Amino acid sequence: MTPLYWVGSCPLCRQGRIILQRNDASGTIYAHCEECEQGYAEPADRDAGSGFLTLALDYETSDPDWTAIEGSPWAEHVLGRLG
């Protein structure tokens, strides 16, 4: 099982952890709130509180491994690993 990597709390709902996910169609890494389903394409989007509703998009996702994350803009924002 691939561990989950998290990058903080959601600025929208202020309840959920933001977990990194991989868009399987494009291969990009984005952040996803486990509570409100808000997504953030880039760290600056999260910091500005602007994102997208992940439920409104139609693509498959998976849990990225560290190799995928370390090549993304999210690598320096990882606070920890779950699992």
PDB file of N, CA and C in Angstrom:
ATOM      1  N   MET A   1       0.838  -1.182   0.000  1.00  0.00           N
ATOM      2  CA  MET A   1       0.000   0.000   0.000  1.00  0.00           C
ATOM      3  C   MET A   1       0.888   1.253   0.000  1.00  0.00           C
ATOM      4  N   THR A   2       0.599   2.172  -0.883  1.00  0.00           N
ATOM      5  CA  THR A   2       1.339   3.430  -0.965  1.00  0.00           C
ATOM      6  C   THR A   2       0.899   4.352   0.173  1.00  0.00           C
ATOM      7  N   PRO A   3       1.840   4.911   0.926  1.00  0.00           N
ATOM      8  CA  PRO A   3       1.450   5.853   1.983  1.00  0.00           C
ATOM      9  C   PRO A   3       0.875   7.131   1.371  1.00  0.00           C
ATOM     10  N   LEU A   4       0.066   7.818   2.147  1.00  0.00           N
ATOM     11  CA  LEU A   4      -0.488   9.103   1.730  1.00  0.00           C
ATOM     12  C   LEU A   4       0.410  10.212   2.270  1.00  0.00           C
ATOM     13  N   TYR A   5       0.596  11.243   1.470  1.00  0.00           N
ATOM     14  CA  TYR A   5       1.392  12.398   1.886  1.00  0.00           C
ATOM     15  C   TYR A   5       0.465  13.595   2.029  1.00  0.00           C
ATOM     16  N   TRP A   6       0.599  14.326   3.112  1.00  0.00           N
ATOM     17  CA  TRP A   6      -0.273  15.474   3.339  1.00  0.00           C
ATOM     18  C   TRP A   6       0.528  16.759   3.441  1.00  0.00           C
ATOM     19  N   VAL A   7      -0.149  17.862   3.072  1.00  0.00           N
ATOM     20  CA  VAL A   7       0.538  19.149   2.977  1.00  0.00           C
ATOM     21  C   VAL A   7      -0.121  20.247   3.818  1.00  0.00           C
ATOM     22  N   GLY A   8      -1.020  19.886   4.720  1.00  0.00           N
ATOM     23  CA  GLY A   8      -1.628  20.880   5.595  1.00  0.00           C
ATOM     24  C   GLY A   8      -3.120  20.722   5.717  1.00  0.00           C
ATOM     25  N   SER A   9      -3.741  21.737   6.312  1.00  0.00           N
ATOM     26  CA  SER A   9      -5.184  21.768   6.490  1.00  0.00           C
ATOM     27  C   SER A   9      -5.826  22.586   5.382  1.00  0.00           C
ATOM     28  N   CYS A  10      -7.058  22.262   5.080  1.00  0.00           N
ATOM     29  CA  CYS A  10      -7.768  22.939   4.003  1.00  0.00           C
ATOM     30  C   CYS A  10      -8.133  24.374   4.397  1.00  0.00           C
ATOM     31  N   PRO A  11      -7.765  25.362   3.576  1.00  0.00           N
ATOM     32  CA  PRO A  11      -8.123  26.742   3.879  1.00  0.00           C
ATOM     33  C   PRO A  11      -9.617  27.029   3.655  1.00  0.00           C
ATOM     34  N   LEU A  12     -10.308  26.159   2.928  1.00  0.00           N
ATOM     35  CA  LEU A  12     -11.727  26.375   2.663  1.00  0.00           C
ATOM     36  C   LEU A  12     -12.588  25.893   3.833  1.00  0.00           C
ATOM     37  N   CYS A  13     -12.492  24.621   4.181  1.00  0.00           N
ATOM     38  CA  CYS A  13     -13.344  24.078   5.244  1.00  0.00           C
ATOM     39  C   CYS A  13     -12.683  24.124   6.622  1.00  0.00           C
ATOM     40  N   ARG A  14     -11.366  24.254   6.651  1.00  0.00           N
ATOM     41  CA  ARG A  14     -10.584  24.313   7.885  1.00  0.00           C
ATOM     42  C   ARG A  14     -10.755  23.068   8.772  1.00  0.00           C
ATOM     43  N   GLN A  15     -11.142  21.956   8.151  1.00  0.00           N
ATOM     44  CA  GLN A  15     -11.327  20.725   8.911  1.00  0.00           C
ATOM     45  C   GLN A  15     -10.500  19.566   8.367  1.00  0.00           C
ATOM     46  N   GLY A  16     -10.420  19.470   7.048  1.00  0.00           N
ATOM     47  CA  GLY A  16      -9.772  18.319   6.441  1.00  0.00           C
ATOM     48  C   GLY A  16      -8.288  18.501   6.205  1.00  0.00           C
ATOM     49  N   ARG A  17      -7.611  17.371   6.176  1.00  0.00           N
ATOM     50  CA  ARG A  17      -6.206  17.387   5.765  1.00  0.00           C
ATOM     51  C   ARG A  17      -6.160  17.404   4.248  1.00  0.00           C
ATOM     52  N   ILE A  18      -5.155  18.063   3.713  1.00  0.00           N
ATOM     53  CA  ILE A  18      -4.968  18.099   2.263  1.00  0.00           C
ATOM     54  C   ILE A  18      -3.962  17.007   1.917  1.00  0.00           C
ATOM     55  N   ILE A  19      -4.445  16.040   1.156  1.00  0.00           N
ATOM     56  CA  ILE A  19      -3.669  14.865   0.778  1.00  0.00           C
ATOM     57  C   ILE A  19      -3.265  14.990  -0.690  1.00  0.00           C
ATOM     58  N   LEU A  20      -2.051  14.603  -1.015  1.00  0.00           N
ATOM     59  CA  LEU A  20      -1.609  14.651  -2.411  1.00  0.00           C
ATOM     60  C   LEU A  20      -2.177  13.466  -3.194  1.00  0.00           C
ATOM     61  N   GLN A  21      -2.638  13.763  -4.396  1.00  0.00           N
ATOM     62  CA  GLN A  21      -3.203  12.771  -5.303  1.00  0.00           C
ATOM     63  C   GLN A  21      -2.575  12.944  -6.674  1.00  0.00           C
ATOM     64  N   ARG A  22      -2.674  11.912  -7.480  1.00  0.00           N
ATOM     65  CA  ARG A  22      -2.159  11.945  -8.856  1.00  0.00           C
ATOM     66  C   ARG A  22      -3.336  11.841  -9.811  1.00  0.00           C
ATOM     67  N   ASN A  23      -3.429  12.788 -10.741  1.00  0.00           N
ATOM     68  CA  ASN A  23      -4.406  12.724 -11.819  1.00  0.00           C
ATOM     69  C   ASN A  23      -3.859  11.704 -12.813  1.00  0.00           C
ATOM     70  N   ASP A  24      -4.513  10.545 -12.929  1.00  0.00           N
ATOM     71  CA  ASP A  24      -3.984   9.481 -13.777  1.00  0.00           C
ATOM     72  C   ASP A  24      -4.016   9.822 -15.261  1.00  0.00           C
ATOM     73  N   ALA A  25      -4.903  10.706 -15.667  1.00  0.00           N
ATOM     74  CA  ALA A  25      -4.990  11.097 -17.080  1.00  0.00           C
ATOM     75  C   ALA A  25      -3.802  11.967 -17.494  1.00  0.00           C
ATOM     76  N   SER A  26      -3.434  12.920 -16.643  1.00  0.00           N
ATOM     77  CA  SER A  26      -2.352  13.851 -16.987  1.00  0.00           C
ATOM     78  C   SER A  26      -1.035  13.531 -16.285  1.00  0.00           C
ATOM     79  N   GLY A  27      -1.089  12.773 -15.208  1.00  0.00           N
ATOM     80  CA  GLY A  27       0.110  12.461 -14.432  1.00  0.00           C
ATOM     81  C   GLY A  27       0.509  13.547 -13.449  1.00  0.00           C
ATOM     82  N   THR A  28      -0.274  14.614 -13.353  1.00  0.00           N
ATOM     83  CA  THR A  28       0.077  15.714 -12.449  1.00  0.00           C
ATOM     84  C   THR A  28      -0.323  15.390 -11.014  1.00  0.00           C
ATOM     85  N   ILE A  29       0.410  15.979 -10.096  1.00  0.00           N
ATOM     86  CA  ILE A  29       0.137  15.837  -8.669  1.00  0.00           C
ATOM     87  C   ILE A  29      -0.640  17.078  -8.226  1.00  0.00           C
ATOM     88  N   TYR A  30      -1.695  16.861  -7.476  1.00  0.00           N
ATOM     89  CA  TYR A  30      -2.475  17.969  -6.933  1.00  0.00           C
ATOM     90  C   TYR A  30      -2.844  17.641  -5.496  1.00  0.00           C
ATOM     91  N   ALA A  31      -3.325  18.622  -4.763  1.00  0.00           N
ATOM     92  CA  ALA A  31      -3.723  18.431  -3.375  1.00  0.00           C
ATOM     93  C   ALA A  31      -5.239  18.353  -3.290  1.00  0.00           C
ATOM     94  N   HIS A  32      -5.724  17.474  -2.414  1.00  0.00           N
ATOM     95  CA  HIS A  32      -7.150  17.173  -2.320  1.00  0.00           C
ATOM     96  C   HIS A  32      -7.571  17.141  -0.856  1.00  0.00           C
ATOM     97  N   CYS A  33      -8.595  17.920  -0.496  1.00  0.00           N
ATOM     98  CA  CYS A  33      -9.094  17.914   0.873  1.00  0.00           C
ATOM     99  C   CYS A  33      -9.945  16.669   1.102  1.00  0.00           C
ATOM    100  N   GLU A  34      -9.622  15.929   2.156  1.00  0.00           N
ATOM    101  CA  GLU A  34     -10.346  14.700   2.458  1.00  0.00           C
ATOM    102  C   GLU A  34     -11.749  14.960   3.000  1.00  0.00           C
ATOM    103  N   GLU A  35     -12.055  16.178   3.404  1.00  0.00           N
ATOM    104  CA  GLU A  35     -13.373  16.498   3.960  1.00  0.00           C
ATOM    105  C   GLU A  35     -14.322  17.149   2.947  1.00  0.00           C
ATOM    106  N   CYS A  36     -13.899  18.254   2.339  1.00  0.00           N
ATOM    107  CA  CYS A  36     -14.805  19.024   1.479  1.00  0.00           C
ATOM    108  C   CYS A  36     -14.608  18.772  -0.012  1.00  0.00           C
ATOM    109  N   GLU A  37     -13.613  17.950  -0.371  1.00  0.00           N
ATOM    110  CA  GLU A  37     -13.346  17.578  -1.767  1.00  0.00           C
ATOM    111  C   GLU A  37     -12.795  18.723  -2.613  1.00  0.00           C
ATOM    112  N   GLN A  38     -12.277  19.761  -1.972  1.00  0.00           N
ATOM    113  CA  GLN A  38     -11.648  20.860  -2.698  1.00  0.00           C
ATOM    114  C   GLN A  38     -10.275  20.406  -3.192  1.00  0.00           C
ATOM    115  N   GLY A  39      -9.908  20.818  -4.403  1.00  0.00           N
ATOM    116  CA  GLY A  39      -8.612  20.479  -4.957  1.00  0.00           C
ATOM    117  C   GLY A  39      -7.783  21.723  -5.210  1.00  0.00           C
ATOM    118  N   TYR A  40      -6.476  21.558  -5.167  1.00  0.00           N
ATOM    119  CA  TYR A  40      -5.546  22.651  -5.397  1.00  0.00           C
ATOM    120  C   TYR A  40      -4.466  22.158  -6.350  1.00  0.00           C
ATOM    121  N   ALA A  41      -4.379  22.785  -7.513  1.00  0.00           N
ATOM    122  CA  ALA A  41      -3.427  22.349  -8.534  1.00  0.00           C
ATOM    123  C   ALA A  41      -1.988  22.683  -8.145  1.00  0.00           C
ATOM    124  N   GLU A  42      -1.775  23.812  -7.519  1.00  0.00           N
ATOM    125  CA  GLU A  42      -0.437  24.294  -7.156  1.00  0.00           C
ATOM    126  C   GLU A  42      -0.446  24.791  -5.711  1.00  0.00           C
ATOM    127  N   PRO A  43       0.702  24.792  -5.054  1.00  0.00           N
ATOM    128  CA  PRO A  43       0.761  25.332  -3.693  1.00  0.00           C
ATOM    129  C   PRO A  43       0.246  26.773  -3.594  1.00  0.00           C
ATOM    130  N   ALA A  44       0.492  27.585  -4.596  1.00  0.00           N
ATOM    131  CA  ALA A  44       0.008  28.980  -4.566  1.00  0.00           C
ATOM    132  C   ALA A  44      -1.514  29.038  -4.553  1.00  0.00           C
ATOM    133  N   ASP A  45      -2.181  28.076  -5.193  1.00  0.00           N
ATOM    134  CA  ASP A  45      -3.650  28.028  -5.176  1.00  0.00           C
ATOM    135  C   ASP A  45      -4.152  27.773  -3.761  1.00  0.00           C
ATOM    136  N   ARG A  46      -3.516  26.853  -3.079  1.00  0.00           N
ATOM    137  CA  ARG A  46      -3.896  26.551  -1.701  1.00  0.00           C
ATOM    138  C   ARG A  46      -3.672  27.769  -0.818  1.00  0.00           C
ATOM    139  N   ASP A  47      -2.524  28.401  -0.972  1.00  0.00           N
ATOM    140  CA  ASP A  47      -2.180  29.554  -0.151  1.00  0.00           C
ATOM    141  C   ASP A  47      -3.141  30.723  -0.388  1.00  0.00           C
ATOM    142  N   ALA A  48      -3.646  30.843  -1.613  1.00  0.00           N
ATOM    143  CA  ALA A  48      -4.592  31.902  -1.945  1.00  0.00           C
ATOM    144  C   ALA A  48      -6.032  31.506  -1.644  1.00  0.00           C
ATOM    145  N   GLY A  49      -6.245  30.222  -1.310  1.00  0.00           N
ATOM    146  CA  GLY A  49      -7.602  29.758  -1.028  1.00  0.00           C
ATOM    147  C   GLY A  49      -8.443  29.578  -2.286  1.00  0.00           C
ATOM    148  N   SER A  50      -7.793  29.466  -3.431  1.00  0.00           N
ATOM    149  CA  SER A  50      -8.535  29.265  -4.675  1.00  0.00           C
ATOM    150  C   SER A  50      -8.232  27.877  -5.213  1.00  0.00           C
ATOM    151  N   GLY A  51      -9.257  27.154  -5.505  1.00  0.00           N
ATOM    152  CA  GLY A  51      -9.068  25.801  -5.987  1.00  0.00           C
ATOM    153  C   GLY A  51     -10.218  25.377  -6.872  1.00  0.00           C
ATOM    154  N   PHE A  52     -10.491  24.083  -6.887  1.00  0.00           N
ATOM    155  CA  PHE A  52     -11.563  23.544  -7.717  1.00  0.00           C
ATOM    156  C   PHE A  52     -12.235  22.405  -6.969  1.00  0.00           C
ATOM    157  N   LEU A  53     -13.483  22.135  -7.301  1.00  0.00           N
ATOM    158  CA  LEU A  53     -14.211  21.033  -6.696  1.00  0.00           C
ATOM    159  C   LEU A  53     -13.842  19.763  -7.441  1.00  0.00           C
ATOM    160  N   THR A  54     -13.154  18.870  -6.773  1.00  0.00           N
ATOM    161  CA  THR A  54     -12.664  17.671  -7.445  1.00  0.00           C
ATOM    162  C   THR A  54     -13.785  16.762  -7.932  1.00  0.00           C
ATOM    163  N   LEU A  55     -14.931  16.796  -7.278  1.00  0.00           N
ATOM    164  CA  LEU A  55     -16.061  15.962  -7.693  1.00  0.00           C
ATOM    165  C   LEU A  55     -16.637  16.392  -9.038  1.00  0.00           C
ATOM    166  N   ALA A  56     -16.372  17.616  -9.453  1.00  0.00           N
ATOM    167  CA  ALA A  56     -16.913  18.135 -10.711  1.00  0.00           C
ATOM    168  C   ALA A  56     -16.096  17.680 -11.926  1.00  0.00           C
ATOM    169  N   LEU A  57     -14.938  17.094 -11.696  1.00  0.00           N
ATOM    170  CA  LEU A  57     -14.078  16.667 -12.794  1.00  0.00           C
ATOM    171  C   LEU A  57     -14.161  15.160 -12.971  1.00  0.00           C
ATOM    172  N   ASP A  58     -13.964  14.717 -14.201  1.00  0.00           N
ATOM    173  CA  ASP A  58     -14.112  13.298 -14.510  1.00  0.00           C
ATOM    174  C   ASP A  58     -12.766  12.693 -14.908  1.00  0.00           C
ATOM    175  N   TYR A  59     -12.010  12.222 -13.926  1.00  0.00           N
ATOM    176  CA  TYR A  59     -10.764  11.512 -14.183  1.00  0.00           C
ATOM    177  C   TYR A  59     -10.477  10.599 -12.999  1.00  0.00           C
ATOM    178  N   GLU A  60      -9.670   9.608 -13.249  1.00  0.00           N
ATOM    179  CA  GLU A  60      -9.269   8.680 -12.199  1.00  0.00           C
ATOM    180  C   GLU A  60      -8.049   9.235 -11.468  1.00  0.00           C
ATOM    181  N   THR A  61      -7.942   8.901 -10.192  1.00  0.00           N
ATOM    182  CA  THR A  61      -6.802   9.332  -9.397  1.00  0.00           C
ATOM    183  C   THR A  61      -6.161   8.135  -8.702  1.00  0.00           C
ATOM    184  N   SER A  62      -4.962   8.355  -8.237  1.00  0.00           N
ATOM    185  CA  SER A  62      -4.260   7.340  -7.449  1.00  0.00           C
ATOM    186  C   SER A  62      -3.382   8.040  -6.424  1.00  0.00           C
ATOM    187  N   ASP A  63      -2.904   7.268  -5.472  1.00  0.00           N
ATOM    188  CA  ASP A  63      -2.010   7.794  -4.449  1.00  0.00           C
ATOM    189  C   ASP A  63      -0.591   7.798  -5.013  1.00  0.00           C
ATOM    190  N   PRO A  64       0.022   8.971  -5.140  1.00  0.00           N
ATOM    191  CA  PRO A  64       1.376   9.020  -5.714  1.00  0.00           C
ATOM    192  C   PRO A  64       2.426   8.520  -4.728  1.00  0.00           C
ATOM    193  N   ASP A  65       3.478   7.937  -5.261  1.00  0.00           N
ATOM    194  CA  ASP A  65       4.606   7.561  -4.410  1.00  0.00           C
ATOM    195  C   ASP A  65       5.553   8.764  -4.323  1.00  0.00           C
ATOM    196  N   TRP A  66       6.560   8.648  -3.453  1.00  0.00           N
ATOM    197  CA  TRP A  66       7.453   9.784  -3.239  1.00  0.00           C
ATOM    198  C   TRP A  66       8.195  10.175  -4.506  1.00  0.00           C
ATOM    199  N   THR A  67       8.513   9.229  -5.365  1.00  0.00           N
ATOM    200  CA  THR A  67       9.224   9.532  -6.603  1.00  0.00           C
ATOM    201  C   THR A  67       8.418  10.503  -7.463  1.00  0.00           C
ATOM    202  N   ALA A  68       7.111  10.302  -7.553  1.00  0.00           N
ATOM    203  CA  ALA A  68       6.255  11.206  -8.326  1.00  0.00           C
ATOM    204  C   ALA A  68       6.140  12.567  -7.645  1.00  0.00           C
ATOM    205  N   ILE A  69       6.046  12.571  -6.337  1.00  0.00           N
ATOM    206  CA  ILE A  69       5.875  13.823  -5.596  1.00  0.00           C
ATOM    207  C   ILE A  69       7.135  14.682  -5.645  1.00  0.00           C
ATOM    208  N   GLU A  70       8.309  14.065  -5.531  1.00  0.00           N
ATOM    209  CA  GLU A  70       9.534  14.857  -5.458  1.00  0.00           C
ATOM    210  C   GLU A  70       9.812  15.640  -6.728  1.00  0.00           C
ATOM    211  N   GLY A  71       9.200  15.277  -7.840  1.00  0.00           N
ATOM    212  CA  GLY A  71       9.347  16.035  -9.072  1.00  0.00           C
ATOM    213  C   GLY A  71       8.267  17.075  -9.271  1.00  0.00           C
ATOM    214  N   SER A  72       7.418  17.258  -8.262  1.00  0.00           N
ATOM    215  CA  SER A  72       6.304  18.200  -8.376  1.00  0.00           C
ATOM    216  C   SER A  72       6.548  19.435  -7.514  1.00  0.00           C
ATOM    217  N   PRO A  73       5.767  20.497  -7.733  1.00  0.00           N
ATOM    218  CA  PRO A  73       5.907  21.692  -6.895  1.00  0.00           C
ATOM    219  C   PRO A  73       5.498  21.460  -5.436  1.00  0.00           C
ATOM    220  N   TRP A  74       4.844  20.337  -5.164  1.00  0.00           N
ATOM    221  CA  TRP A  74       4.360  20.048  -3.823  1.00  0.00           C
ATOM    222  C   TRP A  74       5.429  19.460  -2.909  1.00  0.00           C
ATOM    223  N   ALA A  75       6.531  18.999  -3.440  1.00  0.00           N
ATOM    224  CA  ALA A  75       7.526  18.261  -2.651  1.00  0.00           C
ATOM    225  C   ALA A  75       7.992  19.014  -1.410  1.00  0.00           C
ATOM    226  N   GLU A  76       8.270  20.284  -1.533  1.00  0.00           N
ATOM    227  CA  GLU A  76       8.779  21.038  -0.384  1.00  0.00           C
ATOM    228  C   GLU A  76       7.693  21.410   0.625  1.00  0.00           C
ATOM    229  N   HIS A  77       6.440  21.085   0.314  1.00  0.00           N
ATOM    230  CA  HIS A  77       5.311  21.413   1.207  1.00  0.00           C
ATOM    231  C   HIS A  77       4.814  20.210   2.002  1.00  0.00           C
ATOM    232  N   VAL A  78       5.371  19.043   1.759  1.00  0.00           N
ATOM    233  CA  VAL A  78       4.931  17.830   2.463  1.00  0.00           C
ATOM    234  C   VAL A  78       5.253  17.957   3.945  1.00  0.00           C
ATOM    235  N   LEU A  79       4.220  17.762   4.775  1.00  0.00           N
ATOM    236  CA  LEU A  79       4.385  17.851   6.225  1.00  0.00           C
ATOM    237  C   LEU A  79       4.534  16.481   6.870  1.00  0.00           C
ATOM    238  N   GLY A  80       4.040  15.468   6.194  1.00  0.00           N
ATOM    239  CA  GLY A  80       4.124  14.140   6.785  1.00  0.00           C
ATOM    240  C   GLY A  80       3.550  13.086   5.885  1.00  0.00           C
ATOM    241  N   ARG A  81       3.611  11.869   6.416  1.00  0.00           N
ATOM    242  CA  ARG A  81       3.165  10.697   5.684  1.00  0.00           C
ATOM    243  C   ARG A  81       2.171   9.951   6.551  1.00  0.00           C
ATOM    244  N   LEU A  82       1.099   9.487   5.948  1.00  0.00           N
ATOM    245  CA  LEU A  82       0.089   8.719   6.650  1.00  0.00           C
ATOM    246  C   LEU A  82       0.129   7.288   6.140  1.00  0.00           C
ATOM    247  N   GLY A  83       0.228   6.351   7.022  1.00  0.00           N
ATOM    248  CA  GLY A  83       0.195   4.943   6.620  1.00  0.00           C
ATOM    249  C   GLY A  83       1.523   4.329   6.375  1.00  0.00           C
TER     250      GLY A  83
END
